[in-house]
C-alpha cells in the first residue's frame, strides 16, 4: 500500500469525523489495472467557439477513431456534484510525478 493511498485514507477519516461530509474516491490507477478503462483527450471544441463545449460532451463517441466507452462519462457528474476536491499524487524524489 503506497504512502499516498494511506494519506488519502487518513484524510477521508478526518473529513468524515469532523465535518460529516460524504467522500468518494476516484482512483485513476484503474486506467491501467482494469481492461477497457479509457479517458480520451479533449478535442478542444471550446477553442473554436465557447458554446460548442458543454456537458455531456457531444464530441464523443467518435466511432471512426475507436473512441467509445469514455470513462469521463462517469467522472464528469462526480466533479459537477463535488463541493470540494482533494488531489493526492505520489512524490518522486521531492518533485512531481512525471506522468501527471
PDB file of N, CA and C in Angstrom:
ATOM      1  N   UNK A   1       0.845  -1.170   0.000  1.00  0.00           N
ATOM      2  CA  UNK A   1       0.000   0.000   0.000  1.00  0.00           C
ATOM      3  C   UNK A   1       0.899   1.244   0.000  1.00  0.00           C
ATOM      4  N   UNK A   2       0.642   2.143  -0.922  1.00  0.00           N
ATOM      5  CA  UNK A   2       1.509   3.321  -1.042  1.00  0.00           C
ATOM      6  C   UNK A   2       1.244   4.325   0.078  1.00  0.00           C
ATOM      7  N   UNK A   3       2.210   5.193   0.276  1.00  0.00           N
ATOM      8  CA  UNK A   3       2.059   6.241   1.281  1.00  0.00           C
ATOM      9  C   UNK A   3       0.963   7.219   0.878  1.00  0.00           C
ATOM     10  N   UNK A   4       0.845   7.469  -0.403  1.00  0.00           N
ATOM     11  CA  UNK A   4      -0.202   8.374  -0.887  1.00  0.00           C
ATOM     12  C   UNK A   4      -1.584   7.819  -0.578  1.00  0.00           C
ATOM     13  N   UNK A   5      -1.759   6.514  -0.784  1.00  0.00           N
ATOM     14  CA  UNK A   5      -3.056   5.876  -0.512  1.00  0.00           C
ATOM     15  C   UNK A   5      -3.360   5.917   0.986  1.00  0.00           C
ATOM     16  N   UNK A   6      -2.353   5.658   1.814  1.00  0.00           N
ATOM     17  CA  UNK A   6      -2.572   5.712   3.266  1.00  0.00           C
ATOM     18  C   UNK A   6      -2.926   7.133   3.699  1.00  0.00           C
ATOM     19  N   UNK A   7      -2.265   8.135   3.129  1.00  0.00           N
ATOM     20  CA  UNK A   7      -2.573   9.521   3.434  1.00  0.00           C
ATOM     21  C   UNK A   7      -4.003   9.860   3.022  1.00  0.00           C
ATOM     22  N   UNK A   8      -4.414   9.383   1.871  1.00  0.00           N
ATOM     23  CA  UNK A   8      -5.774   9.606   1.392  1.00  0.00           C
ATOM     24  C   UNK A   8      -6.801   9.004   2.351  1.00  0.00           C
ATOM     25  N   UNK A   9      -6.554   7.777   2.799  1.00  0.00           N
ATOM     26  CA  UNK A   9      -7.488   7.113   3.717  1.00  0.00           C
ATOM     27  C   UNK A   9      -7.547   7.835   5.065  1.00  0.00           C
ATOM     28  N   UNK A  10      -6.405   8.345   5.555  1.00  0.00           N
ATOM     29  CA  UNK A  10      -6.401   9.126   6.790  1.00  0.00           C
ATOM     30  C   UNK A  10      -7.197  10.419   6.620  1.00  0.00           C
ATOM     31  N   UNK A  11      -7.010  11.087   5.497  1.00  0.00           N
ATOM     32  CA  UNK A  11      -7.747  12.322   5.232  1.00  0.00           C
ATOM     33  C   UNK A  11      -9.240  12.046   5.140  1.00  0.00           C
ATOM     34  N   UNK A  12      -9.600  10.926   4.543  1.00  0.00           N
ATOM     35  CA  UNK A  12     -11.015  10.552   4.435  1.00  0.00           C
ATOM     36  C   UNK A  12     -11.631  10.357   5.822  1.00  0.00           C
ATOM     37  N   UNK A  13     -10.896   9.696   6.727  1.00  0.00           N
ATOM     38  CA  UNK A  13     -11.380   9.504   8.095  1.00  0.00           C
ATOM     39  C   UNK A  13     -11.570  10.839   8.810  1.00  0.00           C
ATOM     40  N   UNK A  14     -10.629  11.748   8.633  1.00  0.00           N
ATOM     41  CA  UNK A  14     -10.716  13.056   9.292  1.00  0.00           C
ATOM     42  C   UNK A  14     -11.915  13.844   8.765  1.00  0.00           C
ATOM     43  N   UNK A  15     -12.118  13.821   7.468  1.00  0.00           N
ATOM     44  CA  UNK A  15     -13.249  14.544   6.879  1.00  0.00           C
ATOM     45  C   UNK A  15     -14.563  13.985   7.410  1.00  0.00           C
ATOM     46  N   UNK A  16     -14.674  12.666   7.469  1.00  0.00           N
ATOM     47  CA  UNK A  16     -15.904  12.044   7.973  1.00  0.00           C
ATOM     48  C   UNK A  16     -16.126  12.357   9.448  1.00  0.00           C
ATOM     49  N   UNK A  17     -15.054  12.345  10.231  1.00  0.00           N
ATOM     50  CA  UNK A  17     -15.184  12.519  11.676  1.00  0.00           C
ATOM     51  C   UNK A  17     -15.496  13.965  12.069  1.00  0.00           C
ATOM     52  N   UNK A  18     -14.925  14.922  11.391  1.00  0.00           N
ATOM     53  CA  UNK A  18     -15.073  16.314  11.834  1.00  0.00           C
ATOM     54  C   UNK A  18     -16.205  17.065  11.150  1.00  0.00           C
ATOM     55  N   UNK A  19     -16.490  16.771   9.908  1.00  0.00           N
ATOM     56  CA  UNK A  19     -17.458  17.589   9.188  1.00  0.00           C
ATOM     57  C   UNK A  19     -18.724  16.839   8.796  1.00  0.00           C
ATOM     58  N   UNK A  20     -18.651  15.537   8.691  1.00  0.00           N
ATOM     59  CA  UNK A  20     -19.822  14.775   8.290  1.00  0.00           C
ATOM     60  C   UNK A  20     -20.083  14.761   6.797  1.00  0.00           C
ATOM     61  N   UNK A  21     -19.130  15.243   6.009  1.00  0.00           N
ATOM     62  CA  UNK A  21     -19.293  15.215   4.561  1.00  0.00           C
ATOM     63  C   UNK A  21     -19.193  13.790   4.039  1.00  0.00           C
ATOM     64  N   UNK A  22     -19.775  13.566   2.899  1.00  0.00           N
ATOM     65  CA  UNK A  22     -19.601  12.295   2.204  1.00  0.00           C
ATOM     66  C   UNK A  22     -18.368  12.419   1.313  1.00  0.00           C
ATOM     67  N   UNK A  23     -17.657  11.333   1.174  1.00  0.00           N
ATOM     68  CA  UNK A  23     -16.489  11.341   0.289  1.00  0.00           C
ATOM     69  C   UNK A  23     -16.619  10.228  -0.735  1.00  0.00           C
ATOM     70  N   UNK A  24     -16.006  10.453  -1.860  1.00  0.00           N
ATOM     71  CA  UNK A  24     -15.953   9.444  -2.902  1.00  0.00           C
ATOM     72  C   UNK A  24     -14.543   9.471  -3.473  1.00  0.00           C
ATOM     73  N   UNK A  25     -13.918   8.317  -3.573  1.00  0.00           N
ATOM     74  CA  UNK A  25     -12.543   8.232  -4.051  1.00  0.00           C
ATOM     75  C   UNK A  25     -12.549   7.827  -5.518  1.00  0.00           C
ATOM     76  N   UNK A  26     -11.875   8.616  -6.324  1.00  0.00           N
ATOM     77  CA  UNK A  26     -11.701   8.317  -7.740  1.00  0.00           C
ATOM     78  C   UNK A  26     -10.259   7.857  -7.919  1.00  0.00           C
ATOM     79  N   UNK A  27     -10.065   6.591  -8.130  1.00  0.00           N
ATOM     80  CA  UNK A  27      -8.733   6.001  -8.238  1.00  0.00           C
ATOM     81  C   UNK A  27      -8.357   5.885  -9.716  1.00  0.00           C
ATOM     82  N   UNK A  28      -7.529   6.806 -10.187  1.00  0.00           N
ATOM     83  CA  UNK A  28      -7.157   6.810 -11.598  1.00  0.00           C
ATOM     84  C   UNK A  28      -6.194   5.683 -11.970  1.00  0.00           C
ATOM     85  N   UNK A  29      -5.668   4.977 -10.976  1.00  0.00           N
ATOM     86  CA  UNK A  29      -4.809   3.834 -11.302  1.00  0.00           C
ATOM     87  C   UNK A  29      -5.615   2.720 -11.962  1.00  0.00           C
ATOM     88  N   UNK A  30      -6.937   2.789 -11.875  1.00  0.00           N
ATOM     89  CA  UNK A  30      -7.778   1.789 -12.536  1.00  0.00           C
ATOM     90  C   UNK A  30      -7.650   1.852 -14.051  1.00  0.00           C
ATOM     91  N   UNK A  31      -7.148   2.982 -14.572  1.00  0.00           N
ATOM     92  CA  UNK A  31      -6.944   3.088 -16.016  1.00  0.00           C
ATOM     93  C   UNK A  31      -5.975   2.033 -16.525  1.00  0.00           C
ATOM     94  N   UNK A  32      -4.994   1.690 -15.705  1.00  0.00           N
ATOM     95  CA  UNK A  32      -4.007   0.703 -16.141  1.00  0.00           C
ATOM     96  C   UNK A  32      -4.311  -0.698 -15.631  1.00  0.00           C
ATOM     97  N   UNK A  33      -5.102  -0.801 -14.583  1.00  0.00           N
ATOM     98  CA  UNK A  33      -5.317  -2.124 -13.998  1.00  0.00           C
ATOM     99  C   UNK A  33      -6.616  -2.787 -14.432  1.00  0.00           C
ATOM    100  N   UNK A  34      -7.546  -2.050 -15.013  1.00  0.00           N
ATOM    101  CA  UNK A  34      -8.802  -2.646 -15.459  1.00  0.00           C
ATOM    102  C   UNK A  34      -8.926  -2.523 -16.972  1.00  0.00           C
ATOM    103  N   UNK A  35      -9.214  -3.630 -17.606  1.00  0.00           N
ATOM    104  CA  UNK A  35      -9.353  -3.650 -19.060  1.00  0.00           C
ATOM    105  C   UNK A  35     -10.557  -2.800 -19.476  1.00  0.00           C
ATOM    106  N   UNK A  36     -10.375  -1.993 -20.501  1.00  0.00           N
ATOM    107  CA  UNK A  36     -11.465  -1.208 -21.054  1.00  0.00           C
ATOM    108  C   UNK A  36     -11.630   0.173 -20.460  1.00  0.00           C
ATOM    109  N   UNK A  37     -10.879   0.510 -19.411  1.00  0.00           N
ATOM    110  CA  UNK A  37     -10.952   1.859 -18.833  1.00  0.00           C
ATOM    111  C   UNK A  37     -10.104   2.790 -19.690  1.00  0.00           C
ATOM    112  N   UNK A  38     -10.737   3.818 -20.265  1.00  0.00           N
ATOM    113  CA  UNK A  38     -10.040   4.745 -21.146  1.00  0.00           C
ATOM    114  C   UNK A  38     -10.576   6.150 -20.897  1.00  0.00           C
ATOM    115  N   UNK A  39      -9.688   7.129 -20.871  1.00  0.00           N
ATOM    116  CA  UNK A  39     -10.076   8.532 -20.888  1.00  0.00           C
ATOM    117  C   UNK A  39      -9.469   9.137 -22.147  1.00  0.00           C
ATOM    118  N   UNK A  40     -10.327   9.521 -23.076  1.00  0.00           N
ATOM    119  CA  UNK A  40      -9.859  10.094 -24.324  1.00  0.00           C
ATOM    120  C   UNK A  40      -9.523  11.570 -24.124  1.00  0.00           C
ATOM    121  N   UNK A  41      -8.556  12.095 -24.880  1.00  0.00           N
ATOM    122  CA  UNK A  41      -8.188  13.507 -24.724  1.00  0.00           C
ATOM    123  C   UNK A  41      -9.310  14.426 -25.198  1.00  0.00           C
ATOM    124  N   UNK A  42      -9.342  15.618 -24.620  1.00  0.00           N
ATOM    125  CA  UNK A  42     -10.310  16.634 -25.024  1.00  0.00           C
ATOM    126  C   UNK A  42      -9.982  17.091 -26.443  1.00  0.00           C
ATOM    127  N   UNK A  43     -11.002  17.303 -27.236  1.00  0.00           N
ATOM    128  CA  UNK A  43     -10.787  17.755 -28.607  1.00  0.00           C
ATOM    129  C   UNK A  43     -10.748  19.274 -28.709  1.00  0.00           C
ATOM    130  N   UNK A  44     -10.890  19.958 -27.581  1.00  0.00           N
ATOM    131  CA  UNK A  44     -10.779  21.415 -27.500  1.00  0.00           C
ATOM    132  C   UNK A  44     -11.768  22.134 -28.404  1.00  0.00           C
ATOM    133  N   UNK A  45     -13.022  21.677 -28.395  1.00  0.00           N
ATOM    134  CA  UNK A  45     -14.041  22.383 -29.192  1.00  0.00           C
ATOM    135  C   UNK A  45     -14.234  23.807 -28.700  1.00  0.00           C
ATOM    136  N   UNK A  46     -13.946  24.036 -27.412  1.00  0.00           N
ATOM    137  CA  UNK A  46     -14.115  25.374 -26.861  1.00  0.00           C
ATOM    138  C   UNK A  46     -13.164  26.368 -27.509  1.00  0.00           C
ATOM    139  N   UNK A  47     -12.077  25.897 -28.117  1.00  0.00           N
ATOM    140  CA  UNK A  47     -11.126  26.812 -28.754  1.00  0.00           C
ATOM    141  C   UNK A  47     -11.694  27.421 -30.027  1.00  0.00           C
ATOM    142  N   UNK A  48     -12.677  26.779 -30.639  1.00  0.00           N
ATOM    143  CA  UNK A  48     -13.284  27.345 -31.840  1.00  0.00           C
ATOM    144  C   UNK A  48     -14.491  28.221 -31.504  1.00  0.00           C
ATOM    145  N   UNK A  49     -15.272  27.797 -30.500  1.00  0.00           N
ATOM    146  CA  UNK A  49     -16.423  28.590 -30.067  1.00  0.00           C
ATOM    147  C   UNK A  49     -16.882  28.097 -28.710  1.00  0.00           C
ATOM    148  N   UNK A  50     -17.021  29.013 -27.743  1.00  0.00           N
ATOM    149  CA  UNK A  50     -17.393  28.657 -26.376  1.00  0.00           C
ATOM    150  C   UNK A  50     -18.696  27.838 -26.304  1.00  0.00           C
ATOM    151  N   UNK A  51     -19.750  28.158 -27.071  1.00  0.00           N
ATOM    152  CA  UNK A  51     -20.995  27.387 -26.952  1.00  0.00           C
ATOM    153  C   UNK A  51     -20.868  25.929 -27.377  1.00  0.00           C
ATOM    154  N   UNK A  52     -19.795  25.581 -28.091  1.00  0.00           N
ATOM    155  CA  UNK A  52     -19.636  24.191 -28.526  1.00  0.00           C
ATOM    156  C   UNK A  52     -19.226  23.265 -27.387  1.00  0.00           C
ATOM    157  N   UNK A  53     -18.628  23.819 -26.318  1.00  0.00           N
ATOM    158  CA  UNK A  53     -18.154  22.998 -25.211  1.00  0.00           C
ATOM    159  C   UNK A  53     -19.238  22.934 -24.139  1.00  0.00           C
ATOM    160  N   UNK A  54     -19.762  21.756 -23.908  1.00  0.00           N
ATOM    161  CA  UNK A  54     -20.836  21.577 -22.935  1.00  0.00           C
ATOM    162  C   UNK A  54     -20.839  20.142 -22.423  1.00  0.00           C
ATOM    163  N   UNK A  55     -21.584  19.911 -21.372  1.00  0.00           N
ATOM    164  CA  UNK A  55     -21.759  18.559 -20.827  1.00  0.00           C
ATOM    165  C   UNK A  55     -23.181  18.137 -21.064  1.00  0.00           C
ATOM    166  N   UNK A  56     -23.457  16.918 -21.489  1.00  0.00           N
ATOM    167  CA  UNK A  56     -22.474  15.914 -21.879  1.00  0.00           C
ATOM    168  C   UNK A  56     -21.809  16.273 -23.195  1.00  0.00           C
ATOM    169  N   UNK A  57     -20.552  15.908 -23.280  1.00  0.00           N
ATOM    170  CA  UNK A  57     -19.736  16.255 -24.444  1.00  0.00           C
ATOM    171  C   UNK A  57     -20.295  15.576 -25.695  1.00  0.00           C
ATOM    172  N   UNK A  58     -20.508  16.370 -26.725  1.00  0.00           N
ATOM    173  CA  UNK A  58     -21.037  15.809 -27.966  1.00  0.00           C
ATOM    174  C   UNK A  58     -19.914  15.367 -28.908  1.00  0.00           C
ATOM    175  N   UNK A  59     -18.661  15.555 -28.476  1.00  0.00           N
ATOM    176  CA  UNK A  59     -17.525  15.134 -29.308  1.00  0.00           C
ATOM    177  C   UNK A  59     -17.388  13.615 -29.342  1.00  0.00           C
ATOM    178  N   UNK A  60     -17.852  12.958 -28.301  1.00  0.00           N
ATOM    179  CA  UNK A  60     -17.715  11.510 -28.208  1.00  0.00           C
ATOM    180  C   UNK A  60     -19.072  10.878 -28.307  1.00  0.00           C
ATOM    181  N   UNK A  61     -19.194   9.673 -28.707  1.00  0.00           N
ATOM    182  CA  UNK A  61     -18.097   8.817 -29.148  1.00  0.00           C
ATOM    183  C   UNK A  61     -17.751   9.059 -30.608  1.00  0.00           C
ATOM    184  N   UNK A  62     -16.496   8.949 -30.916  1.00  0.00           N
ATOM    185  CA  UNK A  62     -16.020   9.031 -32.290  1.00  0.00           C
ATOM    186  C   UNK A  62     -15.709   7.602 -32.721  1.00  0.00           C
ATOM    187  N   UNK A  63     -16.701   6.964 -33.308  1.00  0.00           N
ATOM    188  CA  UNK A  63     -16.565   5.548 -33.663  1.00  0.00           C
ATOM    189  C   UNK A  63     -15.482   5.319 -34.708  1.00  0.00           C
ATOM    190  N   UNK A  64     -15.242   6.311 -35.577  1.00  0.00           N
ATOM    191  CA  UNK A  64     -14.224   6.158 -36.621  1.00  0.00           C
ATOM    192  C   UNK A  64     -12.838   5.986 -36.018  1.00  0.00           C
ATOM    193  N   UNK A  65     -12.594   6.636 -34.863  1.00  0.00           N
ATOM    194  CA  UNK A  65     -11.289   6.542 -34.221  1.00  0.00           C
ATOM    195  C   UNK A  65     -11.291   5.537 -33.071  1.00  0.00           C
ATOM    196  N   UNK A  66     -12.385   4.832 -32.880  1.00  0.00           N
ATOM    197  CA  UNK A  66     -12.466   3.838 -31.811  1.00  0.00           C
ATOM    198  C   UNK A  66     -12.591   4.464 -30.437  1.00  0.00           C
ATOM    199  N   UNK A  67     -13.055   5.697 -30.365  1.00  0.00           N
ATOM    200  CA  UNK A  67     -13.167   6.393 -29.093  1.00  0.00           C
ATOM    201  C   UNK A  67     -14.566   6.200 -28.506  1.00  0.00           C
ATOM    202  N   UNK A  68     -14.782   5.039 -27.940  1.00  0.00           N
ATOM    203  CA  UNK A  68     -16.056   4.732 -27.299  1.00  0.00           C
ATOM    204  C   UNK A  68     -15.807   4.353 -25.846  1.00  0.00           C
ATOM    205  N   UNK A  69     -16.848   4.321 -25.054  1.00  0.00           N
ATOM    206  CA  UNK A  69     -16.772   3.943 -23.639  1.00  0.00           C
ATOM    207  C   UNK A  69     -15.780   4.805 -22.877  1.00  0.00           C
ATOM    208  N   UNK A  70     -15.899   6.120 -23.011  1.00  0.00           N
ATOM    209  CA  UNK A  70     -15.009   7.045 -22.319  1.00  0.00           C
ATOM    210  C   UNK A  70     -15.366   7.077 -20.840  1.00  0.00           C
ATOM    211  N   UNK A  71     -14.385   6.845 -19.976  1.00  0.00           N
ATOM    212  CA  UNK A  71     -14.612   6.830 -18.532  1.00  0.00           C
ATOM    213  C   UNK A  71     -15.020   8.202 -18.012  1.00  0.00           C
ATOM    214  N   UNK A  72     -14.737   9.253 -18.757  1.00  0.00           N
ATOM    215  CA  UNK A  72     -15.116  10.600 -18.335  1.00  0.00           C
ATOM    216  C   UNK A  72     -16.627  10.748 -18.225  1.00  0.00           C
ATOM    217  N   UNK A  73     -17.388   9.901 -18.925  1.00  0.00           N
ATOM    218  CA  UNK A  73     -18.841   9.943 -18.802  1.00  0.00           C
ATOM    219  C   UNK A  73     -19.287   9.633 -17.376  1.00  0.00           C
ATOM    220  N   UNK A  74     -18.496   8.879 -16.618  1.00  0.00           N
ATOM    221  CA  UNK A  74     -18.797   8.602 -15.214  1.00  0.00           C
ATOM    222  C   UNK A  74     -18.149   9.640 -14.290  1.00  0.00           C
ATOM    223  N   UNK A  75     -17.027  10.197 -14.706  1.00  0.00           N
ATOM    224  CA  UNK A  75     -16.280  11.120 -13.857  1.00  0.00           C
ATOM    225  C   UNK A  75     -16.881  12.521 -13.849  1.00  0.00           C
ATOM    226  N   UNK A  76     -17.342  13.024 -15.003  1.00  0.00           N
ATOM    227  CA  UNK A  76     -17.887  14.382 -15.078  1.00  0.00           C
ATOM    228  C   UNK A  76     -18.994  14.646 -14.055  1.00  0.00           C
ATOM    229  N   UNK A  77     -19.988  13.757 -13.907  1.00  0.00           N
ATOM    230  CA  UNK A  77     -21.032  14.023 -12.912  1.00  0.00           C
ATOM    231  C   UNK A  77     -20.482  14.082 -11.480  1.00  0.00           C
ATOM    232  N   UNK A  78     -19.444  13.295 -11.184  1.00  0.00           N
ATOM    233  CA  UNK A  78     -18.828  13.348  -9.858  1.00  0.00           C
ATOM    234  C   UNK A  78     -18.212  14.726  -9.613  1.00  0.00           C
ATOM    235  N   UNK A  79     -17.496  15.251 -10.605  1.00  0.00           N
ATOM    236  CA  UNK A  79     -16.858  16.563 -10.471  1.00  0.00           C
ATOM    237  C   UNK A  79     -17.906  17.664 -10.365  1.00  0.00           C
ATOM    238  N   UNK A  80     -18.984  17.552 -11.143  1.00  0.00           N
ATOM    239  CA  UNK A  80     -20.021  18.586 -11.118  1.00  0.00           C
ATOM    240  C   UNK A  80     -20.736  18.627  -9.765  1.00  0.00           C
ATOM    241  N   UNK A  81     -20.887  17.484  -9.118  1.00  0.00           N
ATOM    242  CA  UNK A  81     -21.596  17.410  -7.835  1.00  0.00           C
ATOM    243  C   UNK A  81     -20.700  17.728  -6.643  1.00  0.00           C
ATOM    244  N   UNK A  82     -19.397  17.778  -6.852  1.00  0.00           N
ATOM    245  CA  UNK A  82     -18.456  17.955  -5.739  1.00  0.00           C
ATOM    246  C   UNK A  82     -18.466  19.382  -5.200  1.00  0.00           C
ATOM    247  N   UNK A  83     -18.411  19.479  -3.873  1.00  0.00           N
ATOM    248  CA  UNK A  83     -18.254  20.779  -3.213  1.00  0.00           C
ATOM    249  C   UNK A  83     -16.771  21.076  -2.971  1.00  0.00           C
ATOM    250  N   UNK A  84     -15.950  20.060  -3.010  1.00  0.00           N
ATOM    251  CA  UNK A  84     -14.517  20.211  -2.827  1.00  0.00           C
ATOM    252  C   UNK A  84     -13.808  19.017  -3.416  1.00  0.00           C
ATOM    253  N   UNK A  85     -12.563  19.213  -3.800  1.00  0.00           N
ATOM    254  CA  UNK A  85     -11.771  18.145  -4.415  1.00  0.00           C
ATOM    255  C   UNK A  85     -10.393  18.137  -3.771  1.00  0.00           C
ATOM    256  N   UNK A  86      -9.919  16.956  -3.407  1.00  0.00           N
ATOM    257  CA  UNK A  86      -8.561  16.791  -2.899  1.00  0.00           C
ATOM    258  C   UNK A  86      -7.831  15.868  -3.871  1.00  0.00           C
ATOM    259  N   UNK A  87      -6.721  16.355  -4.397  1.00  0.00           N
ATOM    260  CA  UNK A  87      -5.939  15.568  -5.339  1.00  0.00           C
ATOM    261  C   UNK A  87      -4.704  15.052  -4.609  1.00  0.00           C
ATOM    262  N   UNK A  88      -4.564  13.735  -4.571  1.00  0.00           N
ATOM    263  CA  UNK A  88      -3.428  13.102  -3.906  1.00  0.00           C
ATOM    264  C   UNK A  88      -2.629  12.364  -4.970  1.00  0.00           C
ATOM    265  N   UNK A  89      -1.348  12.701  -5.067  1.00  0.00           N
ATOM    266  CA  UNK A  89      -0.476  12.077  -6.053  1.00  0.00           C
ATOM    267  C   UNK A  89       0.872  11.770  -5.408  1.00  0.00           C
ATOM    268  N   UNK A  90       1.548  10.728  -5.851  1.00  0.00           N
ATOM    269  CA  UNK A  90       2.850  10.414  -5.270  1.00  0.00           C
ATOM    270  C   UNK A  90       3.895  11.487  -5.587  1.00  0.00           C
ATOM    271  N   UNK A  91       4.893  11.569  -4.742  1.00  0.00           N
ATOM    272  CA  UNK A  91       6.022  12.478  -4.940  1.00  0.00           C
ATOM    273  C   UNK A  91       7.267  11.614  -5.135  1.00  0.00           C
ATOM    274  N   UNK A  92       7.949  11.836  -6.248  1.00  0.00           N
ATOM    275  CA  UNK A  92       9.150  11.061  -6.560  1.00  0.00           C
ATOM    276  C   UNK A  92      10.381  11.940  -6.427  1.00  0.00           C
ATOM    277  N   UNK A  93      11.216  11.655  -5.485  1.00  0.00           N
ATOM    278  CA  UNK A  93      12.451  12.390  -5.248  1.00  0.00           C
ATOM    279  C   UNK A  93      12.176  13.887  -5.098  1.00  0.00           C
ATOM    280  N   UNK A  94      11.179  14.216  -4.289  1.00  0.00           N
ATOM    281  CA  UNK A  94      10.840  15.598  -3.923  1.00  0.00           C
ATOM    282  C   UNK A  94      10.378  16.449  -5.097  1.00  0.00           C
ATOM    283  N   UNK A  95       9.808  15.827  -6.079  1.00  0.00           N
ATOM    284  CA  UNK A  95       9.263  16.570  -7.218  1.00  0.00           C
ATOM    285  C   UNK A  95       7.997  15.871  -7.710  1.00  0.00           C
ATOM    286  N   UNK A  96       7.285  16.484  -8.628  1.00  0.00           N
ATOM    287  CA  UNK A  96       6.055  15.911  -9.155  1.00  0.00           C
ATOM    288  C   UNK A  96       6.309  14.637  -9.942  1.00  0.00           C
ATOM    289  N   UNK A  97       5.288  13.811  -9.995  1.00  0.00           N
ATOM    290  CA  UNK A  97       5.343  12.620 -10.806  1.00  0.00           C
ATOM    291  C   UNK A  97       5.354  13.050 -12.282  1.00  0.00           C
ATOM    292  N   UNK A  98       6.270  12.550 -13.096  1.00  0.00           N
ATOM    293  CA  UNK A  98       6.351  12.993 -14.497  1.00  0.00           C
ATOM    294  C   UNK A  98       5.137  12.586 -15.322  1.00  0.00           C
ATOM    295  N   UNK A  99       4.334  11.637 -14.832  1.00  0.00           N
ATOM    296  CA  UNK A  99       3.178  11.177 -15.584  1.00  0.00           C
ATOM    297  C   UNK A  99       1.942  12.007 -15.300  1.00  0.00           C
ATOM    298  N   UNK A 100       2.034  12.954 -14.377  1.00  0.00           N
ATOM    299  CA  UNK A 100       0.855  13.750 -14.013  1.00  0.00           C
ATOM    300  C   UNK A 100       0.684  14.896 -14.956  1.00  0.00           C
TER     301      UNK A 100
END
